[in-house]
Amino acid sequence: MQEELEQNYEVYEEKDWKEFSHRYEELEEEMSHREYTVEERKQIRKVQGKITAIMAKRTLNDFKSQLENLPSLLQQVLEETDGFLQGLNEGLQENDEESEE
């Protein structure tokens, strides 16, 4: 499971992450019903740590991508807001003109 994640995490899509997370949770549930030696638990925790690190790295990369897209999103919001304000202003002016007649 760890090897699969290490090899594929960079190309995983959202559905792949959901599937992996589901399988990982099932595995953890299954493991919680077994007894392990200290050495086995140490190895399990090591693998869990590596998997958690990869998942955290993915989350940070996603966040970084969102931040990189923020300026263009803000520009789009500003442009759309400008259009809305223009329409609002024109509508108010039309109403004022109709009231004056």
C-alpha atoms as a PDB file:
ATOM      1  CA  MET A   1       0.000   0.000   0.000  1.00  0.00           C
ATOM      2  CA  GLN A   2       2.815   2.388   0.891  1.00  0.00           C
ATOM      3  CA  GLU A   3       4.719   1.521  -2.276  1.00  0.00           C
ATOM      4  CA  GLU A   4       1.617   2.060  -4.407  1.00  0.00           C
ATOM      5  CA  LEU A   5       1.136   5.495  -2.891  1.00  0.00           C
ATOM      6  CA  GLU A   6       4.799   6.454  -3.274  1.00  0.00           C
ATOM      7  CA  GLN A   7       4.731   5.492  -6.942  1.00  0.00           C
ATOM      8  CA  ASN A   8       1.381   7.029  -7.879  1.00  0.00           C
ATOM      9  CA  TYR A   9       0.516   9.913  -5.546  1.00  0.00           C
ATOM     10  CA  GLU A  10       1.660  12.569  -8.020  1.00  0.00           C
ATOM     11  CA  VAL A  11      -0.818  11.370 -10.649  1.00  0.00           C
ATOM     12  CA  TYR A  12      -3.691  10.503  -8.314  1.00  0.00           C
ATOM     13  CA  GLU A  13      -6.946  12.259  -9.017  1.00  0.00           C
ATOM     14  CA  GLU A  14      -9.577  13.008  -6.404  1.00  0.00           C
ATOM     15  CA  LYS A  15     -11.329   9.656  -6.931  1.00  0.00           C
ATOM     16  CA  ASP A  16      -8.004   7.832  -6.459  1.00  0.00           C
ATOM     17  CA  TRP A  17      -7.396   9.644  -3.160  1.00  0.00           C
ATOM     18  CA  LYS A  18     -10.884   8.782  -1.933  1.00  0.00           C
ATOM     19  CA  GLU A  19     -10.383   5.133  -2.848  1.00  0.00           C
ATOM     20  CA  PHE A  20      -6.965   5.035  -1.209  1.00  0.00           C
ATOM     21  CA  SER A  21      -8.259   6.708   1.958  1.00  0.00           C
ATOM     22  CA  HIS A  22     -11.128   4.224   2.141  1.00  0.00           C
ATOM     23  CA  ARG A  23      -8.775   1.251   1.759  1.00  0.00           C
ATOM     24  CA  TYR A  24      -6.388   2.731   4.330  1.00  0.00           C
ATOM     25  CA  GLU A  25      -9.195   3.185   6.868  1.00  0.00           C
ATOM     26  CA  GLU A  26     -10.349  -0.404   6.298  1.00  0.00           C
ATOM     27  CA  LEU A  27      -6.814  -1.667   6.823  1.00  0.00           C
ATOM     28  CA  GLU A  28      -6.423   0.330  10.049  1.00  0.00           C
ATOM     29  CA  GLU A  29      -9.749  -1.043  11.302  1.00  0.00           C
ATOM     30  CA  GLU A  30      -8.678  -4.596  10.496  1.00  0.00           C
ATOM     31  CA  MET A  31      -5.302  -4.092  12.189  1.00  0.00           C
ATOM     32  CA  SER A  32      -6.931  -2.733  15.347  1.00  0.00           C
ATOM     33  CA  HIS A  33      -8.419  -6.194  15.991  1.00  0.00           C
ATOM     34  CA  ARG A  34      -5.077  -7.993  15.930  1.00  0.00           C
ATOM     35  CA  GLU A  35      -2.204  -8.186  18.331  1.00  0.00           C
ATOM     36  CA  TYR A  36       1.321  -7.372  17.229  1.00  0.00           C
ATOM     37  CA  THR A  37       4.756  -7.613  18.726  1.00  0.00           C
ATOM     38  CA  VAL A  38       6.575  -4.425  19.652  1.00  0.00           C
ATOM     39  CA  GLU A  39       8.742  -4.751  16.557  1.00  0.00           C
ATOM     40  CA  GLU A  40       5.707  -5.274  14.299  1.00  0.00           C
ATOM     41  CA  ARG A  41       3.955  -2.231  15.800  1.00  0.00           C
ATOM     42  CA  LYS A  42       7.102  -0.194  15.272  1.00  0.00           C
ATOM     43  CA  GLN A  43       7.178  -1.191  11.590  1.00  0.00           C
ATOM     44  CA  ILE A  44       3.448  -0.494  11.195  1.00  0.00           C
ATOM     45  CA  ARG A  45       3.852   2.973  12.723  1.00  0.00           C
ATOM     46  CA  LYS A  46       6.780   3.667  10.400  1.00  0.00           C
ATOM     47  CA  VAL A  47       4.649   2.826   7.347  1.00  0.00           C
ATOM     48  CA  GLN A  48       1.736   4.855   8.724  1.00  0.00           C
ATOM     49  CA  GLY A  49       4.093   7.807   9.195  1.00  0.00           C
ATOM     50  CA  LYS A  50       5.304   7.598   5.604  1.00  0.00           C
ATOM     51  CA  ILE A  51       1.742   7.379   4.276  1.00  0.00           C
ATOM     52  CA  THR A  52       0.683  10.327   6.426  1.00  0.00           C
ATOM     53  CA  ALA A  53       3.657  12.344   5.171  1.00  0.00           C
ATOM     54  CA  ILE A  54       2.712  11.696   1.538  1.00  0.00           C
ATOM     55  CA  MET A  55      -0.912  12.627   2.197  1.00  0.00           C
ATOM     56  CA  ALA A  56       0.176  15.823   3.985  1.00  0.00           C
ATOM     57  CA  LYS A  57       2.470  16.673   1.072  1.00  0.00           C
ATOM     58  CA  ARG A  58      -0.449  16.279  -1.317  1.00  0.00           C
ATOM     59  CA  THR A  59      -2.615  18.550   0.828  1.00  0.00           C
ATOM     60  CA  LEU A  60       0.096  21.206   0.942  1.00  0.00           C
ATOM     61  CA  ASN A  61       0.604  20.994  -2.829  1.00  0.00           C
ATOM     62  CA  ASP A  62      -3.140  21.403  -3.395  1.00  0.00           C
ATOM     63  CA  PHE A  63      -3.173  24.423  -1.085  1.00  0.00           C
ATOM     64  CA  LYS A  64      -0.175  25.906  -2.891  1.00  0.00           C
ATOM     65  CA  SER A  65      -1.941  25.472  -6.246  1.00  0.00           C
ATOM     66  CA  GLN A  66      -5.024  27.204  -4.904  1.00  0.00           C
ATOM     67  CA  LEU A  67      -2.910  30.108  -3.662  1.00  0.00           C
ATOM     68  CA  GLU A  68      -1.190  30.368  -7.039  1.00  0.00           C
ATOM     69  CA  ASN A  69      -4.612  30.645  -8.706  1.00  0.00           C
ATOM     70  CA  LEU A  70      -5.848  33.241  -6.230  1.00  0.00           C
ATOM     71  CA  PRO A  71      -4.723  36.361  -8.168  1.00  0.00           C
ATOM     72  CA  SER A  72      -6.557  35.292 -11.334  1.00  0.00           C
ATOM     73  CA  LEU A  73      -9.654  34.367  -9.315  1.00  0.00           C
ATOM     74  CA  LEU A  74      -9.603  37.754  -7.594  1.00  0.00           C
ATOM     75  CA  GLN A  75      -9.221  39.472 -10.967  1.00  0.00           C
ATOM     76  CA  GLN A  76     -12.235  37.569 -12.261  1.00  0.00           C
ATOM     77  CA  VAL A  77     -14.287  38.525  -9.200  1.00  0.00           C
ATOM     78  CA  LEU A  78     -13.317  42.172  -9.629  1.00  0.00           C
ATOM     79  CA  GLU A  79     -14.278  42.134 -13.311  1.00  0.00           C
ATOM     80  CA  GLU A  80     -17.612  40.479 -12.565  1.00  0.00           C
ATOM     81  CA  THR A  81     -18.279  42.909  -9.719  1.00  0.00           C
ATOM     82  CA  ASP A  82     -17.466  45.815 -12.031  1.00  0.00           C
ATOM     83  CA  GLY A  83     -20.004  44.504 -14.544  1.00  0.00           C
ATOM     84  CA  PHE A  84     -22.613  44.144 -11.819  1.00  0.00           C
ATOM     85  CA  LEU A  85     -21.996  47.677 -10.561  1.00  0.00           C
ATOM     86  CA  GLN A  86     -22.235  49.072 -14.092  1.00  0.00           C
ATOM     87  CA  GLY A  87     -25.553  47.311 -14.609  1.00  0.00           C
ATOM     88  CA  LEU A  88     -26.807  48.509 -11.233  1.00  0.00           C
ATOM     89  CA  ASN A  89     -25.806  52.086 -12.003  1.00  0.00           C
ATOM     90  CA  GLU A  90     -27.453  51.984 -15.445  1.00  0.00           C
ATOM     91  CA  GLY A  91     -30.611  50.515 -13.946  1.00  0.00           C
ATOM     92  CA  LEU A  92     -30.775  53.205 -11.298  1.00  0.00           C
ATOM     93  CA  GLN A  93     -30.215  55.935 -13.889  1.00  0.00           C
ATOM     94  CA  GLU A  94     -33.006  54.506 -16.069  1.00  0.00           C
ATOM     95  CA  ASN A  95     -35.345  54.493 -13.078  1.00  0.00           C
ATOM     96  CA  ASP A  96     -34.413  58.104 -12.268  1.00  0.00           C
ATOM     97  CA  GLU A  97     -35.099  59.170 -15.869  1.00  0.00           C
ATOM     98  CA  GLU A  98     -38.490  57.425 -15.846  1.00  0.00           C
ATOM     99  CA  SER A  99     -39.378  59.128 -12.557  1.00  0.00           C
ATOM    100  CA  GLU A 100     -38.554  62.563 -13.990  1.00  0.00           C
ATOM    101  CA  GLU A 101     -40.920  62.132 -16.930  1.00  0.00           C
END
